[in-house]
């Protein structure tokens, strides 16, 4: 599992370290809220792109 990022490929060990840092910063109790907020933001972003493409057509 490799994700291409700005500074090179991220593997599983790097992703686990990032997850551990996020848990330390936000706490385990707030992770579901954080995920829900990120998901809603992505959904809104995709819908706004879709709407702007429909207006251009």
N, C-alpha and C. Protein backbone atom coordinates (compact mmCIF):
# COMPACT_ATOMS: atom_id res chain seq x y z
N UNK A 1 0.84 -1.17 0.00
CA UNK A 1 0.00 0.00 0.00
C UNK A 1 0.89 1.24 0.00
N UNK A 2 0.95 1.92 -1.11
CA UNK A 2 1.75 3.12 -1.21
C UNK A 2 0.89 4.27 -1.70
N UNK A 3 1.04 5.37 -1.05
CA UNK A 3 0.32 6.58 -1.43
C UNK A 3 1.36 7.60 -1.84
N UNK A 4 1.21 8.15 -3.04
CA UNK A 4 2.15 9.15 -3.52
C UNK A 4 1.83 10.48 -2.84
N UNK A 5 2.80 11.03 -2.18
CA UNK A 5 2.61 12.30 -1.46
C UNK A 5 3.59 13.34 -1.98
N UNK A 6 3.53 14.50 -1.40
CA UNK A 6 4.38 15.60 -1.83
C UNK A 6 5.86 15.28 -1.62
N UNK A 7 6.18 14.59 -0.55
CA UNK A 7 7.57 14.31 -0.22
C UNK A 7 7.98 12.88 -0.56
N UNK A 8 7.25 12.19 -1.38
CA UNK A 8 7.59 10.83 -1.77
C UNK A 8 6.53 9.85 -1.33
N UNK A 9 6.77 8.59 -1.58
CA UNK A 9 5.76 7.58 -1.25
C UNK A 9 5.65 7.36 0.26
N UNK A 10 4.43 7.16 0.72
CA UNK A 10 4.17 6.85 2.12
C UNK A 10 3.77 5.39 2.21
N UNK A 11 4.46 4.65 3.03
CA UNK A 11 4.14 3.25 3.23
C UNK A 11 3.33 3.06 4.50
N UNK A 12 3.10 1.82 4.84
CA UNK A 12 2.32 1.49 6.03
C UNK A 12 2.97 2.01 7.32
N UNK A 13 4.28 1.86 7.51
CA UNK A 13 4.86 2.39 8.77
C UNK A 13 4.67 3.90 8.93
N UNK A 14 4.83 4.63 7.85
CA UNK A 14 4.64 6.08 7.92
C UNK A 14 3.20 6.44 8.24
N UNK A 15 2.26 5.72 7.60
CA UNK A 15 0.84 5.98 7.85
C UNK A 15 0.48 5.68 9.31
N UNK A 16 1.05 4.63 9.89
CA UNK A 16 0.78 4.30 11.29
C UNK A 16 1.34 5.36 12.23
N UNK A 17 2.51 5.90 11.90
CA UNK A 17 3.09 6.97 12.71
C UNK A 17 2.21 8.21 12.66
N UNK A 18 1.73 8.56 11.47
CA UNK A 18 0.84 9.71 11.32
C UNK A 18 -0.44 9.50 12.11
N UNK A 19 -1.01 8.29 12.04
CA UNK A 19 -2.23 7.98 12.80
C UNK A 19 -1.99 8.11 14.29
N UNK A 20 -0.85 7.63 14.77
CA UNK A 20 -0.53 7.74 16.20
C UNK A 20 -0.41 9.20 16.62
N UNK A 21 0.19 10.03 15.79
CA UNK A 21 0.31 11.45 16.11
C UNK A 21 -1.06 12.12 16.16
N UNK A 22 -1.93 11.76 15.20
CA UNK A 22 -3.28 12.33 15.18
C UNK A 22 -4.05 11.92 16.43
N UNK A 23 -3.90 10.67 16.85
CA UNK A 23 -4.59 10.21 18.06
C UNK A 23 -4.06 10.95 19.28
N UNK A 24 -2.75 11.19 19.34
CA UNK A 24 -2.19 11.93 20.47
C UNK A 24 -2.68 13.37 20.50
N UNK A 25 -2.80 13.99 19.34
CA UNK A 25 -3.21 15.39 19.29
C UNK A 25 -4.70 15.55 19.59
N UNK A 26 -5.54 14.77 18.92
CA UNK A 26 -6.99 14.96 19.03
C UNK A 26 -7.64 14.06 20.07
N UNK A 27 -7.01 12.98 20.43
CA UNK A 27 -7.60 12.03 21.37
C UNK A 27 -8.50 11.04 20.64
N UNK A 28 -8.61 9.86 21.21
CA UNK A 28 -9.38 8.79 20.56
C UNK A 28 -10.87 9.10 20.52
N UNK A 29 -11.36 9.88 21.48
CA UNK A 29 -12.80 10.17 21.53
C UNK A 29 -13.24 11.11 20.42
N UNK A 30 -12.35 11.97 19.94
CA UNK A 30 -12.73 12.95 18.92
C UNK A 30 -12.49 12.45 17.50
N UNK A 31 -11.87 11.29 17.33
CA UNK A 31 -11.59 10.79 15.98
C UNK A 31 -12.84 10.58 15.14
N UNK A 32 -13.93 10.01 15.66
CA UNK A 32 -15.14 9.89 14.83
C UNK A 32 -15.68 11.23 14.36
N UNK A 33 -15.65 12.24 15.25
CA UNK A 33 -16.10 13.59 14.85
C UNK A 33 -15.21 14.15 13.75
N UNK A 34 -13.92 13.96 13.91
CA UNK A 34 -12.97 14.47 12.93
C UNK A 34 -13.18 13.80 11.57
N UNK A 35 -13.37 12.48 11.58
CA UNK A 35 -13.61 11.76 10.34
C UNK A 35 -14.90 12.19 9.67
N UNK A 36 -15.93 12.38 10.48
CA UNK A 36 -17.22 12.82 9.93
C UNK A 36 -17.10 14.21 9.30
N UNK A 37 -16.37 15.10 9.95
CA UNK A 37 -16.17 16.44 9.42
C UNK A 37 -15.38 16.44 8.12
N UNK A 38 -14.34 15.62 8.07
CA UNK A 38 -13.54 15.52 6.84
C UNK A 38 -14.37 14.94 5.71
N UNK A 39 -15.15 13.91 6.02
CA UNK A 39 -16.02 13.30 5.01
C UNK A 39 -17.05 14.28 4.46
N UNK A 40 -17.64 15.07 5.35
CA UNK A 40 -18.62 16.06 4.90
C UNK A 40 -17.96 17.13 4.04
N UNK A 41 -16.76 17.52 4.41
CA UNK A 41 -16.03 18.51 3.60
C UNK A 41 -15.71 18.00 2.21
N UNK A 42 -15.29 16.75 2.13
CA UNK A 42 -14.99 16.16 0.82
C UNK A 42 -16.25 16.05 -0.02
N UNK A 43 -17.35 15.65 0.62
CA UNK A 43 -18.63 15.53 -0.09
C UNK A 43 -19.07 16.88 -0.65
N UNK A 44 -18.96 17.94 0.16
CA UNK A 44 -19.33 19.28 -0.30
C UNK A 44 -18.43 19.75 -1.43
N UNK A 45 -17.15 19.45 -1.32
CA UNK A 45 -16.20 19.83 -2.36
C UNK A 45 -16.53 19.15 -3.68
N UNK A 46 -16.81 17.85 -3.64
CA UNK A 46 -17.15 17.11 -4.86
C UNK A 46 -18.45 17.63 -5.47
N UNK A 47 -19.43 17.93 -4.62
CA UNK A 47 -20.71 18.41 -5.17
C UNK A 47 -20.56 19.80 -5.78
N UNK A 48 -19.71 20.64 -5.20
CA UNK A 48 -19.51 21.96 -5.79
C UNK A 48 -18.77 21.87 -7.11
N UNK A 49 -17.84 20.94 -7.23
CA UNK A 49 -17.15 20.74 -8.52
C UNK A 49 -18.14 20.23 -9.56
N UNK A 50 -19.00 19.30 -9.15
CA UNK A 50 -19.99 18.75 -10.08
C UNK A 50 -20.95 19.84 -10.54
N UNK A 51 -21.39 20.69 -9.60
CA UNK A 51 -22.30 21.78 -9.95
C UNK A 51 -21.65 22.77 -10.91
N UNK A 52 -20.39 23.09 -10.67
CA UNK A 52 -19.72 24.06 -11.56
C UNK A 52 -19.51 23.46 -12.95
N UNK A 53 -19.28 22.16 -13.04
CA UNK A 53 -19.11 21.53 -14.35
C UNK A 53 -20.43 21.49 -15.10
N UNK A 54 -21.54 21.31 -14.39
CA UNK A 54 -22.85 21.30 -15.03
C UNK A 54 -23.22 22.69 -15.54
N UNK A 55 -22.81 23.73 -14.83
CA UNK A 55 -23.08 25.10 -15.27
C UNK A 55 -22.28 25.46 -16.51
N UNK A 56 -21.07 24.89 -16.64
CA UNK A 56 -20.22 25.17 -17.80
C UNK A 56 -20.76 24.51 -19.07
N UNK A 57 -21.51 23.42 -18.92
CA UNK A 57 -22.02 22.69 -20.09
C UNK A 57 -23.16 23.38 -20.72
